[in-house]
Amino acid sequence: MRLQNSFKGRPDDIILVSNPKCGTTWLKALAFTIINRSRFDFDHHPLLTHHPQLVIPFMEIFNGNNDLNNLEKLPSPRILATHMPFSLWPESLARSSCRIVYLCREPKDVFVSRWHFENKILVGHHKIDLEVAFNMFCEGFSPYGPFWDHTLEYWKEHNTTADRVLFLKYEDMMSEPTKYVVSLAKFFGVPFSEKEHEDGVHEEVVRLCSFENLSNLQINQIGEMSRMKNLVLERSTFFRKGKVGDWVNHMSHEMGKKLDKITEEKLKGSGLVL
């Protein structure tokens, strides 16, 4: 409610959107590096000393130095992140001409990643049973609404205004990261120059922001991000595997088939395939 009533969108805002556990950390790192590449060299880059989750603030999460007043103080163009469904966006932002990047991911991998994440951050609780968590996911239980509804909202916006909403799939980006780094730079309005291509700057962006590189940095391995009553967010929690298809190591074949069927039914007629 506070965000709805007080947040002021700007026409040049850049908003990074995803369901939780769809590659948010990677997308934040890539966007920050692409947009700020003229400010920092790769040998002394902020991502070498700052967690990717902290270089771009979430607009709906207020803690520490992240509040509405500080979001207002950020220079334009602002880069912000959110997990909110589009239907809950502040009106000033939803109606603006801001650019939106939506990153989706195969739901079976999303579920497994979320299950691991929630088991890691809960303190003083028994482990969440995989089958119980799976049934809840299939029924749409999530702080941000059912997985499919969330994705379809942004898919609809992409189909309506493709020049405003860039819709990406995690699996595609993993298979051709350099291609999508170039696409992101163009979408952000800061395309790579011919000289940058010759110098391999786009490839350096991919290298710096790769899972292997970021997950091995000490800043992303040691210490806590935040602590609440029964929740502890350790820096390393945001880096597990980042693999495509890891669900097969945790879910049964029957569970996979059930989730595939639900996904097919939910997305039927939309033109979107996950």
Protein backbone atom coordinates (compact mmCIF):
# COMPACT_ATOMS: atom_id res chain seq x y z
CA MET A 1 0.00 0.00 0.00
CA ARG A 2 2.83 2.37 0.84
CA LEU A 3 4.38 1.76 -2.56
CA GLN A 4 1.06 2.16 -4.37
CA ASN A 5 0.37 5.52 -2.74
CA SER A 6 3.82 7.08 -2.72
CA PHE A 7 6.04 5.66 -5.46
CA LYS A 8 6.61 8.03 -8.37
CA GLY A 9 7.54 6.36 -11.63
CA ARG A 10 9.76 8.07 -14.16
CA PRO A 11 9.51 7.63 -17.94
CA ASP A 12 13.16 6.58 -18.19
CA ASP A 13 13.06 4.00 -15.36
CA ILE A 14 14.37 0.53 -16.18
CA ILE A 15 12.56 -2.21 -14.26
CA LEU A 16 13.92 -5.76 -13.96
CA VAL A 17 11.15 -8.26 -13.22
CA SER A 18 11.04 -11.95 -12.43
CA ASN A 19 9.31 -14.52 -10.33
CA PRO A 20 11.54 -15.46 -7.38
CA LYS A 21 14.28 -17.96 -8.30
CA CYS A 22 14.19 -17.24 -12.03
CA GLY A 23 17.66 -15.73 -12.35
CA THR A 24 17.16 -12.38 -10.62
CA THR A 25 20.71 -12.19 -9.26
CA TRP A 26 22.20 -12.81 -12.70
CA LEU A 27 19.88 -10.32 -14.40
CA LYS A 28 20.77 -7.64 -11.85
CA ALA A 29 24.48 -8.22 -12.41
CA LEU A 30 24.14 -8.11 -16.19
CA ALA A 31 21.97 -4.97 -16.25
CA PHE A 32 24.20 -3.08 -13.82
CA THR A 33 27.34 -3.99 -15.75
CA ILE A 34 25.90 -3.19 -19.19
CA ILE A 35 24.47 0.18 -18.22
CA ASN A 36 27.49 1.30 -16.18
CA ARG A 37 30.24 -0.12 -18.39
CA SER A 38 31.64 3.30 -19.26
CA ARG A 39 32.07 4.11 -15.54
CA PHE A 40 33.96 1.05 -14.34
CA ASP A 41 36.72 -1.11 -15.73
CA PHE A 42 36.48 -4.85 -15.30
CA ASP A 43 39.54 -5.15 -13.05
CA HIS A 44 38.11 -2.76 -10.44
CA HIS A 45 34.40 -3.39 -10.87
CA PRO A 46 31.83 -2.90 -8.07
CA LEU A 47 30.63 -6.48 -8.57
CA LEU A 48 34.00 -7.67 -7.32
CA THR A 49 33.25 -6.12 -3.93
CA HIS A 50 29.44 -5.85 -3.81
CA HIS A 51 26.78 -8.55 -3.92
CA PRO A 52 24.69 -8.33 -7.15
CA GLN A 53 21.49 -8.23 -5.12
CA LEU A 54 22.64 -4.98 -3.50
CA VAL A 55 23.68 -2.97 -6.57
CA ILE A 56 20.08 -2.70 -7.81
CA PRO A 57 17.34 -2.17 -5.19
CA PHE A 58 13.96 -3.87 -5.08
CA MET A 59 11.27 -1.23 -5.14
CA GLU A 60 8.91 -3.20 -2.84
CA ILE A 61 11.43 -4.30 -0.20
CA PHE A 62 12.18 -1.69 2.44
CA ASN A 63 15.10 -2.38 4.75
CA GLY A 64 18.38 -0.73 5.69
CA ASN A 65 19.09 2.10 3.28
CA ASN A 66 16.43 0.99 0.84
CA ASP A 67 13.29 3.06 1.28
CA LEU A 68 11.11 5.28 -0.88
CA ASN A 69 13.06 8.43 -0.06
CA ASN A 70 16.31 6.87 -1.22
CA LEU A 71 14.66 5.49 -4.35
CA GLU A 72 13.53 9.04 -5.12
CA LYS A 73 17.10 10.31 -4.72
CA LEU A 74 18.53 7.89 -7.29
CA PRO A 75 19.68 9.66 -10.47
CA SER A 76 17.93 8.93 -13.74
CA PRO A 77 17.77 6.57 -15.41
CA ARG A 78 17.05 4.44 -12.35
CA ILE A 79 17.48 0.67 -12.50
CA LEU A 80 15.06 -1.03 -10.14
CA ALA A 81 13.96 -4.61 -9.58
CA THR A 82 10.69 -6.19 -8.52
CA HIS A 83 8.93 -9.52 -8.08
CA MET A 84 5.50 -7.86 -8.09
CA PRO A 85 2.89 -8.93 -10.64
CA PHE A 86 2.17 -6.16 -13.13
CA SER A 87 -1.38 -5.78 -11.81
CA LEU A 88 0.02 -4.55 -8.48
CA TRP A 89 2.39 -1.93 -9.89
CA PRO A 90 2.02 1.66 -8.71
CA GLU A 91 -0.18 3.45 -11.23
CA SER A 92 2.46 6.11 -11.92
CA LEU A 93 4.87 3.40 -13.04
CA ALA A 94 2.42 1.15 -14.89
CA ARG A 95 1.29 4.08 -17.03
CA SER A 96 4.78 5.43 -17.66
CA SER A 97 6.98 4.66 -20.65
CA CYS A 98 9.57 2.86 -18.50
CA ARG A 99 11.36 -0.10 -20.03
CA ILE A 100 10.70 -3.53 -18.53
CA VAL A 101 12.82 -6.67 -18.73
CA TYR A 102 10.99 -9.81 -17.68
CA LEU A 103 12.97 -13.00 -17.07
CA CYS A 104 11.07 -16.29 -16.82
CA ARG A 105 12.30 -19.82 -16.22
CA GLU A 106 11.13 -23.40 -16.61
CA PRO A 107 8.76 -23.95 -13.65
CA LYS A 108 10.19 -27.29 -12.51
CA ASP A 109 13.61 -25.71 -12.01
CA VAL A 110 11.95 -22.68 -10.38
CA PHE A 111 10.21 -24.90 -7.87
CA VAL A 112 13.36 -26.84 -6.93
CA SER A 113 15.41 -23.66 -6.57
CA ARG A 114 12.72 -22.07 -4.42
CA TRP A 115 12.47 -25.17 -2.21
CA HIS A 116 16.22 -25.14 -1.59
CA PHE A 117 16.21 -21.38 -0.97
CA GLU A 118 13.41 -21.47 1.59
CA ASN A 119 14.98 -24.36 3.45
CA LYS A 120 18.22 -22.41 3.71
CA ILE A 121 16.76 -19.17 5.03
CA LEU A 122 14.41 -20.62 7.66
CA VAL A 123 15.97 -20.75 11.14
CA GLY A 124 14.74 -23.04 13.89
CA HIS A 125 12.27 -24.90 11.69
CA HIS A 126 12.09 -28.42 10.35
CA LYS A 127 13.00 -28.81 6.71
CA ILE A 128 10.15 -28.16 4.31
CA ASP A 129 8.94 -31.46 2.88
CA LEU A 130 9.49 -31.61 -0.88
CA GLU A 131 6.12 -33.17 -1.68
CA VAL A 132 4.20 -30.72 0.53
CA ALA A 133 6.01 -27.78 -1.05
CA PHE A 134 5.41 -29.21 -4.52
CA ASN A 135 1.65 -29.49 -3.96
CA MET A 136 1.52 -25.92 -2.69
CA PHE A 137 3.44 -24.68 -5.74
CA CYS A 138 1.07 -26.54 -8.07
CA GLU A 139 -1.89 -24.93 -6.29
CA GLY A 140 -0.42 -21.47 -6.79
CA PHE A 141 0.75 -20.63 -3.27
CA SER A 142 3.36 -17.87 -3.53
CA PRO A 143 3.94 -14.42 -2.00
CA TYR A 144 3.58 -13.00 -5.52
CA GLY A 145 0.67 -15.09 -6.72
CA PRO A 146 0.58 -18.25 -8.88
CA PHE A 147 3.69 -18.68 -11.01
CA TRP A 148 1.75 -18.89 -14.28
CA ASP A 149 -0.48 -15.88 -13.65
CA HIS A 150 2.59 -13.77 -12.89
CA THR A 151 4.31 -14.83 -16.09
CA LEU A 152 1.23 -14.40 -18.28
CA GLU A 153 0.68 -10.83 -17.09
CA TYR A 154 4.07 -9.80 -18.42
CA TRP A 155 3.73 -11.97 -21.52
CA LYS A 156 0.54 -10.05 -22.32
CA GLU A 157 2.31 -6.71 -21.80
CA HIS A 158 5.15 -7.89 -24.05
CA ASN A 159 2.70 -8.82 -26.82
CA THR A 160 0.95 -5.47 -26.46
CA THR A 161 4.08 -3.27 -26.29
CA ALA A 162 7.14 -5.26 -27.36
CA ASP A 163 9.22 -2.10 -27.62
CA ARG A 164 8.60 -1.47 -23.92
CA VAL A 165 8.69 -5.02 -22.50
CA LEU A 166 11.55 -7.37 -23.29
CA PHE A 167 10.50 -10.94 -22.42
CA LEU A 168 13.41 -13.33 -21.87
CA LYS A 169 13.81 -16.99 -20.98
CA TYR A 170 16.53 -18.10 -18.59
CA GLU A 171 17.31 -21.20 -20.62
CA ASP A 172 17.84 -19.19 -23.82
CA MET A 173 20.16 -16.79 -22.03
CA MET A 174 22.17 -19.64 -20.55
CA SER A 175 22.68 -21.18 -23.98
CA GLU A 176 23.70 -17.92 -25.72
CA PRO A 177 24.66 -15.37 -23.04
CA THR A 178 26.68 -13.09 -25.34
CA LYS A 179 23.78 -12.77 -27.78
CA TYR A 180 21.43 -11.70 -25.00
CA VAL A 181 23.92 -9.28 -23.46
CA VAL A 182 24.00 -7.51 -26.82
CA SER A 183 20.18 -7.54 -26.95
CA LEU A 184 19.92 -6.11 -23.44
CA ALA A 185 22.34 -3.29 -24.24
CA LYS A 186 20.31 -2.35 -27.30
CA PHE A 187 17.05 -2.47 -25.34
CA PHE A 188 18.52 -0.28 -22.59
CA GLY A 189 19.47 2.31 -25.20
CA VAL A 190 23.23 1.80 -24.75
CA PRO A 191 24.20 -0.56 -27.62
CA PHE A 192 27.76 -1.82 -27.91
CA SER A 193 29.83 0.18 -30.36
CA GLU A 194 31.80 -1.42 -33.16
CA LYS A 195 34.99 -0.85 -31.18
CA GLU A 196 33.48 -2.46 -28.09
CA HIS A 197 32.61 -5.50 -30.17
CA GLU A 198 36.16 -5.61 -31.53
CA ASP A 199 37.56 -5.31 -28.00
CA GLY A 200 35.28 -8.06 -26.72
CA VAL A 201 33.55 -5.88 -24.13
CA HIS A 202 30.29 -7.84 -24.46
CA GLU A 203 32.23 -11.04 -23.78
CA GLU A 204 33.83 -9.46 -20.70
CA VAL A 205 30.36 -8.62 -19.40
CA VAL A 206 29.38 -12.29 -19.75
CA ARG A 207 32.57 -13.43 -18.01
CA LEU A 208 32.28 -11.01 -15.09
CA CYS A 209 28.62 -11.86 -14.49
CA SER A 210 28.90 -15.61 -14.99
CA PHE A 211 27.69 -17.90 -12.21
CA GLU A 212 31.16 -19.41 -11.90
CA ASN A 213 32.83 -16.04 -11.42
CA LEU A 214 30.29 -14.41 -9.11
CA SER A 215 29.71 -17.46 -6.91
CA ASN A 216 33.44 -17.82 -6.25
CA LEU A 217 33.97 -14.24 -5.08
CA GLN A 218 34.49 -13.96 -1.34
CA ILE A 219 31.92 -11.16 -1.08
CA ASN A 220 29.27 -13.63 -2.31
CA GLN A 221 30.43 -16.55 -0.16
CA ILE A 222 30.79 -15.21 3.38
CA GLY A 223 28.48 -13.30 5.69
CA GLU A 224 24.82 -12.41 5.99
CA MET A 225 22.74 -10.16 3.79
CA SER A 226 20.05 -9.64 6.41
CA ARG A 227 18.52 -11.27 9.48
CA MET A 228 14.97 -11.23 10.80
CA LYS A 229 13.25 -13.18 13.55
CA ASN A 230 13.17 -16.59 11.90
CA LEU A 231 14.90 -15.80 8.62
CA VAL A 232 18.57 -15.45 7.76
CA LEU A 233 19.69 -14.46 4.28
CA GLU A 234 23.29 -15.48 3.82
CA ARG A 235 25.14 -14.06 0.83
CA SER A 236 25.86 -17.53 -0.53
CA THR A 237 22.14 -18.42 -0.50
CA PHE A 238 21.67 -16.62 -3.80
CA PHE A 239 24.18 -18.91 -5.53
CA ARG A 240 23.28 -22.60 -5.63
CA LYS A 241 23.82 -24.17 -9.06
CA GLY A 242 22.16 -22.03 -11.73
CA LYS A 243 21.83 -25.15 -13.89
CA VAL A 244 19.14 -25.87 -16.45
CA GLY A 245 17.30 -29.15 -15.79
CA ASP A 246 18.50 -29.71 -12.22
CA TRP A 247 14.94 -30.62 -11.24
CA VAL A 248 15.56 -34.22 -12.35
CA ASN A 249 17.89 -34.66 -9.38
CA HIS A 250 15.13 -33.85 -6.88
CA MET A 251 11.69 -34.53 -8.36
CA SER A 252 10.18 -37.81 -9.48
CA HIS A 253 9.20 -38.39 -13.09
CA GLU A 254 5.55 -38.33 -12.03
CA MET A 255 5.94 -34.95 -10.33
CA GLY A 256 7.61 -33.58 -13.44
CA LYS A 257 4.77 -34.82 -15.66
CA LYS A 258 2.17 -33.32 -13.32
CA LEU A 259 3.83 -29.89 -13.36
CA ASP A 260 4.27 -30.04 -17.14
CA LYS A 261 0.55 -30.74 -17.53
CA ILE A 262 -0.42 -27.85 -15.25
CA THR A 263 1.91 -25.52 -17.15
CA GLU A 264 0.47 -26.59 -20.50
CA GLU A 265 -3.07 -25.99 -19.25
CA LYS A 266 -2.28 -22.62 -17.67
CA LEU A 267 -0.50 -21.30 -20.77
CA LYS A 268 -2.94 -22.78 -23.32
CA GLY A 269 -3.83 -20.29 -26.02
CA SER A 270 -1.27 -17.70 -24.92
CA GLY A 271 1.43 -18.61 -27.42
CA LEU A 272 3.95 -18.91 -24.59
CA VAL A 273 5.84 -22.18 -24.16
CA LEU A 274 7.96 -22.91 -21.07
